[in-house]
Amino acid sequence: MVASGKTSSVELVAEVLDRIEKSQPSINAFRRLRREAAFADAVAADKRLAAGERAPLLGVPIAVKDDTDIEGEPTAFGCAGEFPLKTEDCEMVRRLRHAGAVIVGKTNTPEFGQWPFTEGHAFGATRNPWDMRFSPGGSSGGSAAAVAAGLVPAATGSDGLGSIRIPSAWTGLVGVKPTRGLVSRAPIGEWNGLATHGSIARTVEDAALLLDVIADTGSRMRDGALGVPGRLRIALALRVPFTLAPARLDPEVRSAVVRLGRVLARLGHEVKLASPNYALVGLGVLPRSLDGLRQAAFEVPDLRLLDKRTQANRRLGKLVRPLVGLSRLHERYERRRIGKIFDTADVVLAPTTATPPTPVGRYDGLSNFATNNAMIAACPYAWPWNILGLPGVNVPAGLTSEGLPIGAQLVGRENSEPLLLSLAARLQDEERWQDRVPPGIG
């Protein structure tokens, strides 16, 4: 619409900012709005458009997660306190600006993106547009809630243990965790190889376009999404990966993922029940994630303002730091063992989460141990692929009997994003999930 002149960037950005402000008391998706800066960027975009210039996102409002450095804005990463204003954009934001995007604000995330819920005493609770009693998930919950509520067409997130795919599953969206290294994590860091930026959108094509923009290389994800995959071998992987706490697959989630497998079989793909040999892949998660948190906490102005669980995890990060190197070495073995699934399958189809969305406040007052156990019970399927650095795409798998979204993930070899997106696009043609919106949202 902006490119064709049906609306101006200024008009569109004004409407988006008004929608966001009206939604904040209920959905609370944003930590910061950039009203003046966004208007200035929109004015500049309209001038570029009037001069005949074109760029992939020229004049289009986009949101970014609050772990992202923007010049003139603080990066609180979900924490309380007065953070200094950043003096320059991070690489991903530079790429967004080059593509003409208008960044309207920074979305909520739990402290250092630790949890699959987006709540914290620094900003309150972000709620799921499908049902305000429930969480949109985390840690990119603000970005997912903003897209699901129609506040922005797309948003960036980051995924260290499922933080793009989990909230995308619980808000009915497409969420892409790319191959490790495809998108720059500077200056936040990669959390010892676990984390990467990615895209969240309502459609496969939009998620692919945003990924094209932020990727470090000249990727052609949107072209891949528009392509037609050949006949694929798909492993339907329902077995829960190894966890130190009990976790079971909810029957409604299982039925939804199996149903998608049947849809893929009907489309001509070979779908067989087969799970990767996960074994003890999870042993490396804690050292790498806790050490990443320890490093991120250096910029916190007042550590006393952190959640007690975060403070405890920071202390643990110091203790487990010597194990990080061993974990990175062990990853090579894990890659070979788990990667054998791709000898007989082109794509793994698995649940994104083990349960439907959890209620807001589900984790309030829990100890570190109890929080970790509850997290594992809800979300054991996402993190193995972060350990291995492999790409994954969440696709909507339908709604529960209570009308809450659930998702499935498509996982492939390194740099197989075009194939995964192409397969996701064919599912989208069949499922038409882009036509499903939360009640009361047009």
Protein backbone atom coordinates (compact mmCIF):
# COMPACT_ATOMS: atom_id res chain seq x y z
CA MET A 1 0.00 0.00 0.00
CA VAL A 2 2.83 2.39 0.81
CA ALA A 3 4.77 1.51 -2.32
CA SER A 4 1.68 1.96 -4.52
CA GLY A 5 0.76 5.28 -2.95
CA LYS A 6 -2.54 4.07 -1.45
CA THR A 7 -1.31 5.44 1.86
CA SER A 8 1.73 7.35 3.02
CA SER A 9 4.26 6.12 5.52
CA VAL A 10 3.34 9.02 7.82
CA GLU A 11 -0.35 8.05 7.75
CA LEU A 12 0.42 4.39 8.34
CA VAL A 13 2.90 5.01 11.14
CA ALA A 14 0.46 7.39 12.86
CA GLU A 15 -2.25 4.73 12.79
CA VAL A 16 0.13 2.07 14.09
CA LEU A 17 1.35 4.23 16.97
CA ASP A 18 -2.24 5.08 17.94
CA ARG A 19 -3.18 1.39 17.91
CA ILE A 20 -0.19 0.52 20.05
CA GLU A 21 -0.96 3.20 22.63
CA LYS A 22 -4.60 2.10 22.87
CA SER A 23 -3.54 -1.52 23.31
CA GLN A 24 -0.92 -0.95 25.98
CA PRO A 25 -3.26 -1.14 29.02
CA SER A 26 -4.51 -4.55 27.86
CA ILE A 27 -1.86 -6.30 25.73
CA ASN A 28 1.23 -4.39 26.94
CA ALA A 29 3.43 -5.52 24.05
CA PHE A 30 5.85 -2.58 24.02
CA ARG A 31 8.54 -1.41 26.42
CA ARG A 32 9.27 1.77 24.46
CA LEU A 33 7.56 3.71 21.66
CA ARG A 34 9.57 5.87 19.27
CA ARG A 35 6.83 8.31 18.33
CA GLU A 36 8.98 11.33 17.36
CA ALA A 37 11.79 9.28 15.83
CA ALA A 38 9.34 7.07 13.92
CA PHE A 39 7.51 10.09 12.48
CA ALA A 40 10.83 11.57 11.36
CA ASP A 41 11.74 8.28 9.69
CA ALA A 42 8.30 8.11 8.05
CA VAL A 43 8.67 11.64 6.65
CA ALA A 44 12.05 10.67 5.22
CA ALA A 45 10.56 7.49 3.74
CA ASP A 46 7.78 9.43 2.02
CA LYS A 47 10.37 11.75 0.46
CA ARG A 48 12.33 8.76 -0.82
CA LEU A 49 9.16 7.23 -2.24
CA ALA A 50 8.18 10.50 -3.91
CA ALA A 51 11.61 10.57 -5.54
CA GLY A 52 10.94 7.16 -7.05
CA GLU A 53 13.13 5.18 -4.71
CA ARG A 54 12.13 1.63 -3.76
CA ALA A 55 13.42 -0.65 -0.99
CA PRO A 56 12.03 -3.87 0.53
CA LEU A 57 10.46 -2.21 3.60
CA LEU A 58 10.50 1.46 2.63
CA GLY A 59 8.06 3.28 4.91
CA VAL A 60 6.76 0.11 6.59
CA PRO A 61 6.39 0.13 10.41
CA ILE A 62 8.30 -2.68 12.15
CA ALA A 63 8.89 -3.51 15.82
CA VAL A 64 12.08 -4.89 17.36
CA LYS A 65 12.63 -6.82 20.58
CA ASP A 66 14.16 -4.92 23.48
CA ASP A 67 17.46 -6.80 23.28
CA THR A 68 18.31 -4.73 20.21
CA ASP A 69 20.51 -1.61 20.18
CA ILE A 70 18.99 1.45 18.52
CA GLU A 71 20.85 4.75 18.53
CA GLY A 72 19.28 7.10 21.06
CA GLU A 73 17.35 4.36 22.88
CA PRO A 74 18.20 2.28 25.96
CA THR A 75 18.43 -1.50 25.75
CA ALA A 76 16.95 -2.76 29.00
CA PHE A 77 16.49 -6.40 27.87
CA GLY A 78 13.50 -6.76 30.19
CA CYS A 79 15.27 -5.35 33.26
CA ALA A 80 14.35 -2.52 35.60
CA GLY A 81 16.50 0.57 36.02
CA GLU A 82 17.80 3.55 34.08
CA PHE A 83 19.87 2.31 31.17
CA PRO A 84 22.17 4.56 29.11
CA LEU A 85 21.12 5.59 25.63
CA LYS A 86 22.93 3.67 22.90
CA THR A 87 25.28 5.68 20.72
CA GLU A 88 24.85 3.60 17.58
CA ASP A 89 22.60 1.06 15.89
CA CYS A 90 23.42 -2.61 15.99
CA GLU A 91 24.05 -4.35 12.67
CA MET A 92 20.50 -5.71 12.40
CA VAL A 93 18.99 -2.24 12.88
CA ARG A 94 21.37 -0.83 10.27
CA ARG A 95 20.05 -3.40 7.84
CA LEU A 96 16.44 -2.57 8.71
CA ARG A 97 17.10 1.12 8.11
CA HIS A 98 18.85 0.38 4.82
CA ALA A 99 15.71 -1.50 3.74
CA GLY A 100 13.61 1.55 4.65
CA ALA A 101 11.83 0.13 7.70
CA VAL A 102 10.35 2.52 10.24
CA ILE A 103 11.04 1.12 13.72
CA VAL A 104 8.08 2.20 15.83
CA GLY A 105 9.17 0.71 19.15
CA LYS A 106 10.85 -1.95 21.24
CA THR A 107 8.83 -4.91 22.48
CA ASN A 108 8.73 -6.50 25.90
CA THR A 109 10.84 -9.49 26.89
CA PRO A 110 11.50 -11.11 30.28
CA GLU A 111 14.82 -10.38 31.97
CA PHE A 112 17.58 -11.38 29.55
CA GLY A 113 15.08 -13.49 27.61
CA GLN A 114 15.34 -16.32 30.13
CA TRP A 115 11.78 -17.54 30.25
CA PRO A 116 8.92 -18.72 27.98
CA PHE A 117 6.64 -16.05 29.46
CA THR A 118 6.85 -12.28 29.06
CA GLU A 119 6.38 -10.89 32.54
CA GLY A 120 8.53 -8.84 34.90
CA HIS A 121 8.33 -6.19 37.57
CA ALA A 122 10.00 -3.71 35.18
CA PHE A 123 7.00 -3.65 32.81
CA GLY A 124 4.23 -5.91 34.12
CA ALA A 125 2.74 -8.72 32.04
CA THR A 126 2.40 -8.95 28.28
CA ARG A 127 -0.83 -10.75 27.38
CA ASN A 128 -1.94 -13.01 24.58
CA PRO A 129 -4.32 -11.24 22.14
CA TRP A 130 -6.21 -14.52 21.71
CA ASP A 131 -7.16 -14.58 25.41
CA MET A 132 -5.87 -11.96 27.84
CA ARG A 133 -5.78 -14.50 30.67
CA PHE A 134 -2.90 -16.28 28.95
CA SER A 135 0.71 -15.49 28.13
CA PRO A 136 1.89 -15.06 24.54
CA GLY A 137 4.95 -17.02 25.60
CA GLY A 138 8.50 -15.78 25.55
CA SER A 139 10.95 -14.53 25.42
CA SER A 140 9.94 -12.68 22.23
CA GLY A 141 6.43 -12.41 23.64
CA GLY A 142 6.06 -8.68 23.05
CA SER A 143 6.95 -9.03 19.38
CA ALA A 144 4.55 -11.95 18.92
CA ALA A 145 1.72 -10.21 20.76
CA ALA A 146 2.21 -7.06 18.66
CA VAL A 147 2.00 -8.98 15.38
CA ALA A 148 -0.90 -11.20 16.50
CA ALA A 149 -2.89 -8.15 17.61
CA GLY A 150 -2.36 -6.45 14.25
CA LEU A 151 -0.32 -3.62 15.77
CA VAL A 152 2.57 -4.15 13.34
CA PRO A 153 2.84 -6.37 10.26
CA ALA A 154 6.06 -8.02 11.43
CA ALA A 155 8.66 -7.87 14.19
CA THR A 156 12.07 -9.18 15.04
CA GLY A 157 12.71 -11.58 17.88
CA SER A 158 15.63 -13.59 19.19
CA ASP A 159 15.78 -17.29 19.88
CA GLY A 160 18.21 -18.85 22.38
CA LEU A 161 16.10 -21.78 23.60
CA GLY A 162 12.94 -21.36 21.52
CA SER A 163 12.21 -17.69 22.15
CA ILE A 164 10.91 -16.98 18.64
CA ARG A 165 9.18 -20.29 17.96
CA ILE A 166 7.42 -20.62 21.33
CA PRO A 167 5.56 -17.26 21.28
CA SER A 168 4.84 -17.70 17.57
CA ALA A 169 3.21 -21.04 18.37
CA TRP A 170 1.12 -19.57 21.18
CA THR A 171 -0.09 -16.59 19.13
CA GLY A 172 -0.75 -18.33 15.80
CA LEU A 173 2.15 -16.87 13.80
CA VAL A 174 5.07 -17.85 11.60
CA GLY A 175 8.36 -17.55 13.46
CA VAL A 176 11.78 -18.25 11.94
CA LYS A 177 14.89 -19.19 13.91
CA PRO A 178 17.61 -19.11 11.26
CA THR A 179 20.84 -21.08 11.06
CA ARG A 180 23.46 -19.93 13.53
CA GLY A 181 25.47 -17.06 12.05
CA LEU A 182 23.00 -16.04 9.34
CA VAL A 183 21.95 -12.91 11.27
CA SER A 184 24.40 -10.80 13.26
CA ARG A 185 23.94 -10.78 17.03
CA ALA A 186 26.37 -7.91 17.59
CA PRO A 187 26.70 -6.39 20.11
CA ILE A 188 24.42 -8.54 22.31
CA GLY A 189 26.40 -11.69 21.56
CA GLU A 190 25.35 -15.20 20.60
CA TRP A 191 25.09 -16.58 24.12
CA ASN A 192 27.77 -19.18 23.40
CA GLY A 193 26.20 -20.18 20.11
CA LEU A 194 22.63 -20.60 21.38
CA ALA A 195 20.98 -17.37 20.26
CA THR A 196 20.12 -15.70 16.98
CA HIS A 197 17.82 -12.94 15.76
CA GLY A 198 14.93 -13.95 13.51
CA SER A 199 11.55 -12.88 12.18
CA ILE A 200 7.92 -13.09 13.30
CA ALA A 201 4.98 -12.42 10.96
CA ARG A 202 1.50 -13.59 10.08
CA THR A 203 2.52 -15.09 6.74
CA VAL A 204 5.46 -17.13 5.51
CA GLU A 205 6.21 -14.58 2.78
CA ASP A 206 6.41 -11.69 5.26
CA ALA A 207 8.60 -13.65 7.68
CA ALA A 208 10.89 -14.59 4.78
CA LEU A 209 11.09 -11.01 3.52
CA LEU A 210 12.04 -9.69 6.96
CA LEU A 211 14.67 -12.41 7.28
CA ASP A 212 16.08 -11.45 3.88
CA VAL A 213 16.48 -7.89 5.15
CA ILE A 214 18.24 -8.70 8.44
CA ALA A 215 20.44 -11.57 7.21
CA ASP A 216 24.18 -10.90 6.95
CA THR A 217 24.39 -12.41 3.50
CA GLY A 218 22.34 -11.67 0.41
CA SER A 219 19.76 -14.32 1.24
CA ARG A 220 16.77 -15.10 -0.97
CA MET A 221 14.36 -16.47 1.62
CA ARG A 222 11.29 -14.92 0.05
CA ASP A 223 12.17 -16.52 -3.28
CA GLY A 224 12.41 -19.84 -1.44
CA ALA A 225 9.02 -19.29 0.16
CA LEU A 226 7.50 -18.73 -3.25
CA GLY A 227 9.08 -21.90 -4.67
CA VAL A 228 7.59 -25.37 -4.76
CA PRO A 229 9.43 -28.11 -2.86
CA GLY A 230 9.82 -31.52 -4.43
CA ARG A 231 8.63 -34.66 -2.71
CA LEU A 232 10.20 -34.61 0.74
CA ARG A 233 10.92 -37.19 3.41
CA ILE A 234 9.45 -35.86 6.64
CA ALA A 235 10.14 -37.31 10.10
CA LEU A 236 7.21 -36.85 12.45
CA ALA A 237 9.09 -36.49 15.75
CA LEU A 238 6.76 -36.67 18.74
CA ARG A 239 9.10 -38.09 21.37
CA VAL A 240 9.99 -35.62 24.12
CA PRO A 241 13.73 -34.82 24.19
CA PHE A 242 15.73 -35.76 27.28
CA THR A 243 14.98 -33.48 30.22
CA LEU A 244 15.95 -33.48 33.88
CA ALA A 245 12.31 -32.80 34.80
CA PRO A 246 9.19 -34.68 33.70
CA ALA A 247 7.49 -33.48 30.52
CA ARG A 248 4.66 -34.98 28.49
CA LEU A 249 3.02 -34.03 25.21
CA ASP A 250 -0.48 -32.60 25.65
CA PRO A 251 -3.04 -34.68 23.69
CA GLU A 252 -4.44 -31.63 21.86
CA VAL A 253 -0.96 -30.54 20.77
CA ARG A 254 -0.14 -34.07 19.65
CA SER A 255 -3.34 -34.32 17.61
CA ALA A 256 -2.66 -30.97 15.95
CA VAL A 257 0.88 -31.90 14.91
CA VAL A 258 -0.20 -35.34 13.66
CA ARG A 259 -2.95 -33.66 11.64
CA LEU A 260 -0.36 -31.43 9.95
CA GLY A 261 1.61 -34.56 9.14
CA ARG A 262 -1.45 -35.97 7.41
CA VAL A 263 -1.85 -32.75 5.44
CA LEU A 264 1.77 -33.01 4.27
CA ALA A 265 1.22 -36.65 3.30
CA ARG A 266 -1.84 -35.63 1.31
CA LEU A 267 0.34 -33.06 -0.48
CA GLY A 268 2.53 -35.91 -1.68
CA HIS A 269 5.33 -35.99 0.90
CA GLU A 270 6.55 -39.14 2.63
CA VAL A 271 5.75 -38.76 6.33
CA LYS A 272 7.03 -41.34 8.81
CA LEU A 273 7.07 -41.48 12.60
CA ALA A 274 10.73 -41.04 13.57
CA SER A 275 12.42 -39.00 16.30
CA PRO A 276 16.05 -37.86 16.52
CA ASN A 277 18.33 -39.59 19.00
CA TYR A 278 18.33 -36.67 21.44
CA ALA A 279 20.15 -38.61 24.20
CA LEU A 280 21.87 -36.13 26.59
CA VAL A 281 21.90 -33.11 24.29
CA GLY A 282 20.47 -30.92 27.04
CA LEU A 283 23.50 -31.19 29.30
CA GLY A 284 25.15 -28.25 27.55
CA VAL A 285 22.20 -25.89 27.88
CA LEU A 286 22.77 -24.59 31.40
CA PRO A 287 26.48 -23.74 31.16
CA ARG A 288 26.08 -21.91 27.87
CA SER A 289 22.87 -20.06 28.72
CA LEU A 290 23.87 -19.09 32.27
CA ASP A 291 27.26 -17.84 31.12
CA GLY A 292 25.49 -15.81 28.44
CA LEU A 293 23.30 -14.26 31.12
CA ARG A 294 26.36 -13.52 33.25
CA GLN A 295 27.91 -11.59 30.38
CA ALA A 296 24.68 -9.72 29.57
CA ALA A 297 24.26 -8.65 33.20
CA PHE A 298 27.42 -6.50 33.05
CA GLU A 299 25.35 -3.63 31.61
CA VAL A 300 22.69 -3.64 34.33
CA PRO A 301 22.93 -0.38 36.32
CA ASP A 302 21.59 -1.88 39.57
CA LEU A 303 21.75 -5.65 40.03
CA ARG A 304 19.54 -5.39 43.11
CA LEU A 305 16.58 -4.57 40.84
CA LEU A 306 16.77 -7.94 39.09
CA ASP A 307 14.35 -10.78 39.78
CA LYS A 308 15.76 -13.04 42.51
CA ARG A 309 15.79 -15.91 40.01
CA THR A 310 17.90 -13.83 37.65
CA GLN A 311 20.31 -12.96 40.45
CA ALA A 312 20.64 -16.66 41.29
CA ASN A 313 21.20 -17.56 37.62
CA ARG A 314 23.89 -14.88 37.36
CA ARG A 315 25.74 -16.40 40.30
CA LEU A 316 25.38 -19.85 38.77
CA GLY A 317 26.80 -18.47 35.53
CA LYS A 318 30.07 -17.74 37.27
CA LEU A 319 30.25 -21.28 38.65
CA VAL A 320 29.51 -23.09 35.38
CA ARG A 321 31.69 -20.90 33.17
CA PRO A 322 34.51 -23.51 33.05
CA LEU A 323 32.05 -25.99 31.49
CA VAL A 324 31.21 -23.80 28.50
CA GLY A 325 34.22 -24.87 26.46
CA LEU A 326 33.50 -28.54 27.13
CA SER A 327 29.90 -28.04 26.04
CA ARG A 328 30.98 -26.44 22.76
CA LEU A 329 33.30 -29.38 22.11
CA HIS A 330 30.53 -31.85 22.97
CA GLU A 331 28.26 -30.12 20.43
CA ARG A 332 30.32 -31.63 17.61
CA TYR A 333 29.40 -35.13 18.81
CA GLU A 334 25.76 -34.12 19.32
CA ARG A 335 25.62 -32.75 15.78
CA ARG A 336 26.73 -36.06 14.33
CA ARG A 337 24.42 -38.19 16.46
CA ILE A 338 21.25 -36.10 16.24
CA GLY A 339 22.04 -35.11 12.66
CA LYS A 340 21.69 -38.73 11.57
CA ILE A 341 17.94 -38.10 11.38
CA PHE A 342 18.69 -36.16 8.18
CA ASP A 343 20.20 -39.24 6.56
CA THR A 344 16.64 -40.56 6.19
CA ALA A 345 14.61 -37.35 6.38
CA ASP A 346 14.79 -33.96 4.69
CA VAL A 347 12.71 -32.21 7.34
CA VAL A 348 11.74 -32.90 10.94
CA LEU A 349 8.15 -32.05 11.91
CA ALA A 350 7.82 -31.75 15.69
CA PRO A 351 5.68 -29.96 18.27
CA THR A 352 6.97 -26.49 19.07
CA THR A 353 5.76 -26.77 22.67
CA ALA A 354 4.42 -29.64 24.73
CA THR A 355 1.46 -27.66 26.03
CA PRO A 356 -0.95 -24.92 24.92
CA PRO A 357 -0.32 -21.37 26.21
CA THR A 358 0.17 -21.04 29.97
CA PRO A 359 -1.83 -18.57 32.09
CA VAL A 360 -0.39 -15.18 33.01
CA GLY A 361 1.08 -15.45 36.50
CA ARG A 362 1.70 -19.19 36.23
CA TYR A 363 5.34 -18.70 37.33
CA ASP A 364 4.79 -16.01 39.98
CA GLY A 365 6.55 -16.69 43.26
CA LEU A 366 8.21 -19.90 42.09
CA SER A 367 11.77 -20.74 43.02
CA ASN A 368 14.47 -21.13 40.39
CA PHE A 369 14.13 -24.90 40.54
CA ALA A 370 10.33 -24.85 40.28
CA THR A 371 10.42 -22.29 37.44
CA ASN A 372 12.87 -24.40 35.46
CA ASN A 373 10.76 -27.53 35.95
CA ALA A 374 7.59 -25.74 34.82
CA MET A 375 9.41 -24.31 31.79
CA ILE A 376 10.71 -27.73 30.79
CA ALA A 377 7.27 -29.28 31.14
CA ALA A 378 5.80 -26.67 28.78
CA CYS A 379 8.64 -26.22 26.28
CA PRO A 380 11.03 -29.19 25.91
CA TYR A 381 11.03 -29.41 22.10
CA ALA A 382 12.72 -26.18 20.98
CA TRP A 383 16.14 -25.97 22.63
CA PRO A 384 17.93 -29.00 21.04
CA TRP A 385 18.03 -27.10 17.75
CA ASN A 386 19.65 -24.09 19.44
CA ILE A 387 22.39 -26.36 20.80
CA LEU A 388 23.02 -27.53 17.23
CA GLY A 389 22.51 -24.15 15.54
CA LEU A 390 20.02 -25.56 13.03
CA PRO A 391 17.11 -23.60 11.50
CA GLY A 392 13.51 -24.03 12.61
CA VAL A 393 10.23 -22.50 11.47
CA ASN A 394 7.14 -22.46 13.64
CA VAL A 395 3.89 -22.86 11.73
CA PRO A 396 0.41 -22.55 13.24
CA ALA A 397 -1.15 -25.96 13.86
CA GLY A 398 -4.65 -24.85 14.79
CA LEU A 399 -6.56 -23.95 17.94
CA THR A 400 -7.29 -25.86 21.13
CA SER A 401 -10.83 -26.56 22.31
CA GLU A 402 -10.52 -23.30 24.30
CA GLY A 403 -9.58 -21.36 21.16
CA LEU A 404 -5.88 -20.96 21.98
CA PRO A 405 -3.24 -21.27 19.25
CA ILE A 406 -0.71 -24.11 19.15
CA GLY A 407 2.16 -24.69 16.75
CA ALA A 408 4.48 -27.15 15.08
CA GLN A 409 8.07 -26.63 13.99
CA LEU A 410 9.78 -27.59 10.76
CA VAL A 411 13.51 -28.21 11.28
CA GLY A 412 16.19 -28.89 8.70
CA ARG A 413 19.90 -29.02 8.05
CA GLU A 414 22.10 -25.94 8.16
CA ASN A 415 21.05 -23.26 5.66
CA SER A 416 17.89 -25.13 4.68
CA GLU A 417 15.66 -22.11 5.38
CA PRO A 418 14.47 -21.78 1.75
CA LEU A 419 13.29 -25.40 1.79
CA LEU A 420 11.59 -25.03 5.18
CA LEU A 421 9.88 -21.80 4.14
CA SER A 422 8.74 -23.33 0.87
CA LEU A 423 7.18 -26.24 2.77
CA ALA A 424 5.63 -23.85 5.29
CA ALA A 425 4.13 -21.81 2.44
CA ARG A 426 2.46 -24.90 0.98
CA LEU A 427 0.98 -25.65 4.41
CA GLN A 428 -0.21 -22.04 4.58
CA ASP A 429 -2.00 -22.47 1.25
CA GLU A 430 -3.87 -25.43 2.73
CA GLU A 431 -4.43 -24.14 6.28
CA ARG A 432 -5.09 -20.44 5.57
CA TRP A 433 -3.88 -19.54 9.08
CA GLN A 434 -3.35 -15.93 7.99
CA ASP A 435 -7.13 -15.61 7.93
CA ARG A 436 -7.42 -16.60 11.60
CA VAL A 437 -7.18 -13.63 13.94
CA PRO A 438 -7.82 -13.18 17.65
CA PRO A 439 -11.43 -12.42 18.64
CA GLY A 440 -12.25 -8.75 18.29
CA ILE A 441 -9.28 -7.99 16.02
CA GLY A 442 -10.05 -7.17 12.42
